[in-house]
């Protein structure tokens, strides 16, 4: 597995964590950041082999 793959997985886990923390705290900014990370990863998924 490549370094890019590990960076992708790390960003995915961070995005999930930020979104969950935002939902628990009721902080819409954290939820929005987590969603933005998820959308960015979705559109870049073709680069991960």
PDB file of N, CA and C in Angstrom:
ATOM      1  N   UNK A   1       0.842  -1.178   0.000  1.00  0.00           N
ATOM      2  CA  UNK A   1       0.000   0.000   0.000  1.00  0.00           C
ATOM      3  C   UNK A   1       0.887   1.241   0.000  1.00  0.00           C
ATOM      4  N   UNK A   2       0.431   2.224  -0.723  1.00  0.00           N
ATOM      5  CA  UNK A   2       1.257   3.410  -0.918  1.00  0.00           C
ATOM      6  C   UNK A   2       1.057   4.432   0.201  1.00  0.00           C
ATOM      7  N   UNK A   3       1.970   5.385   0.218  1.00  0.00           N
ATOM      8  CA  UNK A   3       1.879   6.475   1.190  1.00  0.00           C
ATOM      9  C   UNK A   3       0.589   7.271   0.975  1.00  0.00           C
ATOM     10  N   UNK A   4       0.202   7.440  -0.285  1.00  0.00           N
ATOM     11  CA  UNK A   4      -1.026   8.165  -0.599  1.00  0.00           C
ATOM     12  C   UNK A   4      -2.246   7.458  -0.015  1.00  0.00           C
ATOM     13  N   UNK A   5      -2.240   6.130  -0.044  1.00  0.00           N
ATOM     14  CA  UNK A   5      -3.354   5.372   0.507  1.00  0.00           C
ATOM     15  C   UNK A   5      -3.470   5.600   2.014  1.00  0.00           C
ATOM     16  N   UNK A   6      -2.328   5.582   2.711  1.00  0.00           N
ATOM     17  CA  UNK A   6      -2.351   5.821   4.154  1.00  0.00           C
ATOM     18  C   UNK A   6      -2.826   7.233   4.476  1.00  0.00           C
ATOM     19  N   UNK A   7      -2.445   8.201   3.658  1.00  0.00           N
ATOM     20  CA  UNK A   7      -2.919   9.575   3.861  1.00  0.00           C
ATOM     21  C   UNK A   7      -4.428   9.656   3.643  1.00  0.00           C
ATOM     22  N   UNK A   8      -4.938   8.939   2.650  1.00  0.00           N
ATOM     23  CA  UNK A   8      -6.364   8.900   2.364  1.00  0.00           C
ATOM     24  C   UNK A   8      -7.134   8.317   3.544  1.00  0.00           C
ATOM     25  N   UNK A   9      -6.657   7.195   4.071  1.00  0.00           N
ATOM     26  CA  UNK A   9      -7.323   6.543   5.202  1.00  0.00           C
ATOM     27  C   UNK A   9      -7.282   7.440   6.439  1.00  0.00           C
ATOM     28  N   UNK A  10      -6.145   8.085   6.679  1.00  0.00           N
ATOM     29  CA  UNK A  10      -6.024   8.995   7.820  1.00  0.00           C
ATOM     30  C   UNK A  10      -7.002  10.156   7.695  1.00  0.00           C
ATOM     31  N   UNK A  11      -7.105  10.730   6.505  1.00  0.00           N
ATOM     32  CA  UNK A  11      -8.048  11.831   6.284  1.00  0.00           C
ATOM     33  C   UNK A  11      -9.486  11.354   6.460  1.00  0.00           C
ATOM     34  N   UNK A  12      -9.784  10.137   6.012  1.00  0.00           N
ATOM     35  CA  UNK A  12     -11.123   9.585   6.163  1.00  0.00           C
ATOM     36  C   UNK A  12     -11.488   9.426   7.636  1.00  0.00           C
ATOM     37  N   UNK A  13     -10.577   8.851   8.410  1.00  0.00           N
ATOM     38  CA  UNK A  13     -10.826   8.658   9.842  1.00  0.00           C
ATOM     39  C   UNK A  13     -10.962  10.003  10.550  1.00  0.00           C
ATOM     40  N   UNK A  14     -10.119  10.968  10.185  1.00  0.00           N
ATOM     41  CA  UNK A  14     -10.217  12.305  10.782  1.00  0.00           C
ATOM     42  C   UNK A  14     -11.555  12.949  10.441  1.00  0.00           C
ATOM     43  N   UNK A  15     -11.991  12.819   9.196  1.00  0.00           N
ATOM     44  CA  UNK A  15     -13.281  13.385   8.785  1.00  0.00           C
ATOM     45  C   UNK A  15     -14.445  12.776   9.540  1.00  0.00           C
ATOM     46  N   UNK A  16     -14.416  11.457   9.698  1.00  0.00           N
ATOM     47  CA  UNK A  16     -15.468  10.774  10.467  1.00  0.00           C
ATOM     48  C   UNK A  16     -15.454  11.257  11.914  1.00  0.00           C
ATOM     49  N   UNK A  17     -14.259  11.325  12.499  1.00  0.00           N
ATOM     50  CA  UNK A  17     -14.137  11.767  13.895  1.00  0.00           C
ATOM     51  C   UNK A  17     -14.629  13.186  14.098  1.00  0.00           C
ATOM     52  N   UNK A  18     -14.243  14.083  13.205  1.00  0.00           N
ATOM     53  CA  UNK A  18     -14.671  15.485  13.311  1.00  0.00           C
ATOM     54  C   UNK A  18     -16.182  15.586  13.181  1.00  0.00           C
ATOM     55  N   UNK A  19     -16.756  14.823  12.255  1.00  0.00           N
ATOM     56  CA  UNK A  19     -18.210  14.857  12.073  1.00  0.00           C
ATOM     57  C   UNK A  19     -18.934  14.337  13.309  1.00  0.00           C
ATOM     58  N   UNK A  20     -18.461  13.245  13.883  1.00  0.00           N
ATOM     59  CA  UNK A  20     -19.102  12.675  15.078  1.00  0.00           C
ATOM     60  C   UNK A  20     -19.000  13.638  16.256  1.00  0.00           C
ATOM     61  N   UNK A  21     -17.812  14.215  16.463  1.00  0.00           N
ATOM     62  CA  UNK A  21     -17.644  15.181  17.559  1.00  0.00           C
ATOM     63  C   UNK A  21     -18.574  16.373  17.350  1.00  0.00           C
ATOM     64  N   UNK A  22     -18.671  16.844  16.120  1.00  0.00           N
ATOM     65  CA  UNK A  22     -19.569  17.960  15.826  1.00  0.00           C
ATOM     66  C   UNK A  22     -21.020  17.629  16.107  1.00  0.00           C
ATOM     67  N   UNK A  23     -21.428  16.406  15.785  1.00  0.00           N
ATOM     68  CA  UNK A  23     -22.811  16.005  16.053  1.00  0.00           C
ATOM     69  C   UNK A  23     -23.071  15.891  17.549  1.00  0.00           C
ATOM     70  N   UNK A  24     -22.110  15.345  18.276  1.00  0.00           N
ATOM     71  CA  UNK A  24     -22.279  15.197  19.726  1.00  0.00           C
ATOM     72  C   UNK A  24     -22.365  16.565  20.395  1.00  0.00           C
ATOM     73  N   UNK A  25     -21.493  17.482  19.972  1.00  0.00           N
ATOM     74  CA  UNK A  25     -21.453  18.810  20.583  1.00  0.00           C
ATOM     75  C   UNK A  25     -22.501  19.760  20.010  1.00  0.00           C
ATOM     76  N   UNK A  26     -23.131  19.377  18.929  1.00  0.00           N
ATOM     77  CA  UNK A  26     -24.094  20.258  18.281  1.00  0.00           C
ATOM     78  C   UNK A  26     -23.412  21.419  17.580  1.00  0.00           C
ATOM     79  N   UNK A  27     -22.192  21.187  17.116  1.00  0.00           N
ATOM     80  CA  UNK A  27     -21.407  22.233  16.469  1.00  0.00           C
ATOM     81  C   UNK A  27     -21.480  22.037  14.956  1.00  0.00           C
ATOM     82  N   UNK A  28     -22.251  22.891  14.288  1.00  0.00           N
ATOM     83  CA  UNK A  28     -22.460  22.749  12.848  1.00  0.00           C
ATOM     84  C   UNK A  28     -21.175  22.967  12.060  1.00  0.00           C
ATOM     85  N   UNK A  29     -20.243  23.750  12.594  1.00  0.00           N
ATOM     86  CA  UNK A  29     -18.976  24.000  11.890  1.00  0.00           C
ATOM     87  C   UNK A  29     -18.166  22.708  11.781  1.00  0.00           C
ATOM     88  N   UNK A  30     -18.088  21.933  12.853  1.00  0.00           N
ATOM     89  CA  UNK A  30     -17.354  20.661  12.817  1.00  0.00           C
ATOM     90  C   UNK A  30     -18.014  19.687  11.847  1.00  0.00           C
ATOM     91  N   UNK A  31     -19.335  19.646  11.875  1.00  0.00           N
ATOM     92  CA  UNK A  31     -20.052  18.754  10.965  1.00  0.00           C
ATOM     93  C   UNK A  31     -19.769  19.159   9.523  1.00  0.00           C
ATOM     94  N   UNK A  32     -19.804  20.452   9.247  1.00  0.00           N
ATOM     95  CA  UNK A  32     -19.546  20.943   7.894  1.00  0.00           C
ATOM     96  C   UNK A  32     -18.125  20.602   7.443  1.00  0.00           C
ATOM     97  N   UNK A  33     -17.148  20.766   8.328  1.00  0.00           N
ATOM     98  CA  UNK A  33     -15.759  20.434   7.984  1.00  0.00           C
ATOM     99  C   UNK A  33     -15.631  18.943   7.681  1.00  0.00           C
ATOM    100  N   UNK A  34     -16.260  18.114   8.486  1.00  0.00           N
ATOM    101  CA  UNK A  34     -16.227  16.672   8.246  1.00  0.00           C
ATOM    102  C   UNK A  34     -16.866  16.295   6.922  1.00  0.00           C
ATOM    103  N   UNK A  35     -17.965  16.943   6.587  1.00  0.00           N
ATOM    104  CA  UNK A  35     -18.636  16.677   5.314  1.00  0.00           C
ATOM    105  C   UNK A  35     -17.766  17.141   4.146  1.00  0.00           C
ATOM    106  N   UNK A  36     -17.129  18.291   4.284  1.00  0.00           N
ATOM    107  CA  UNK A  36     -16.241  18.792   3.227  1.00  0.00           C
ATOM    108  C   UNK A  36     -15.082  17.824   3.000  1.00  0.00           C
ATOM    109  N   UNK A  37     -14.509  17.303   4.074  1.00  0.00           N
ATOM    110  CA  UNK A  37     -13.435  16.311   3.939  1.00  0.00           C
ATOM    111  C   UNK A  37     -13.958  15.080   3.200  1.00  0.00           C
ATOM    112  N   UNK A  38     -15.134  14.625   3.569  1.00  0.00           N
ATOM    113  CA  UNK A  38     -15.722  13.460   2.905  1.00  0.00           C
ATOM    114  C   UNK A  38     -15.975  13.684   1.426  1.00  0.00           C
ATOM    115  N   UNK A  39     -16.482  14.849   1.074  1.00  0.00           N
ATOM    116  CA  UNK A  39     -16.742  15.168  -0.334  1.00  0.00           C
ATOM    117  C   UNK A  39     -15.433  15.235  -1.117  1.00  0.00           C
ATOM    118  N   UNK A  40     -14.420  15.857  -0.527  1.00  0.00           N
ATOM    119  CA  UNK A  40     -13.113  15.945  -1.195  1.00  0.00           C
ATOM    120  C   UNK A  40     -12.530  14.552  -1.425  1.00  0.00           C
ATOM    121  N   UNK A  41     -12.643  13.680  -0.440  1.00  0.00           N
ATOM    122  CA  UNK A  41     -12.135  12.318  -0.598  1.00  0.00           C
ATOM    123  C   UNK A  41     -12.934  11.547  -1.642  1.00  0.00           C
ATOM    124  N   UNK A  42     -14.238  11.787  -1.693  1.00  0.00           N
ATOM    125  CA  UNK A  42     -15.081  11.104  -2.676  1.00  0.00           C
ATOM    126  C   UNK A  42     -14.658  11.459  -4.099  1.00  0.00           C
ATOM    127  N   UNK A  43     -14.433  12.739  -4.347  1.00  0.00           N
ATOM    128  CA  UNK A  43     -14.073  13.161  -5.697  1.00  0.00           C
ATOM    129  C   UNK A  43     -12.640  12.792  -6.075  1.00  0.00           C
ATOM    130  N   UNK A  44     -11.798  12.509  -5.094  1.00  0.00           N
ATOM    131  CA  UNK A  44     -10.418  12.119  -5.376  1.00  0.00           C
ATOM    132  C   UNK A  44     -10.195  10.616  -5.271  1.00  0.00           C
ATOM    133  N   UNK A  45     -11.265   9.853  -5.136  1.00  0.00           N
ATOM    134  CA  UNK A  45     -11.128   8.413  -4.925  1.00  0.00           C
ATOM    135  C   UNK A  45     -10.494   7.698  -6.110  1.00  0.00           C
ATOM    136  N   UNK A  46     -10.595   8.227  -7.307  1.00  0.00           N
ATOM    137  CA  UNK A  46     -10.015   7.596  -8.484  1.00  0.00           C
ATOM    138  C   UNK A  46      -8.497   7.593  -8.474  1.00  0.00           C
ATOM    139  N   UNK A  47      -7.891   8.468  -7.694  1.00  0.00           N
ATOM    140  CA  UNK A  47      -6.439   8.552  -7.627  1.00  0.00           C
ATOM    141  C   UNK A  47      -5.848   7.500  -6.700  1.00  0.00           C
ATOM    142  N   UNK A  48      -6.674   6.883  -5.882  1.00  0.00           N
ATOM    143  CA  UNK A  48      -6.200   5.871  -4.939  1.00  0.00           C
ATOM    144  C   UNK A  48      -6.278   4.510  -5.621  1.00  0.00           C
ATOM    145  N   UNK A  49      -5.175   3.852  -5.723  1.00  0.00           N
ATOM    146  CA  UNK A  49      -5.120   2.545  -6.398  1.00  0.00           C
ATOM    147  C   UNK A  49      -4.922   1.451  -5.376  1.00  0.00           C
TER     148      UNK A  49
END
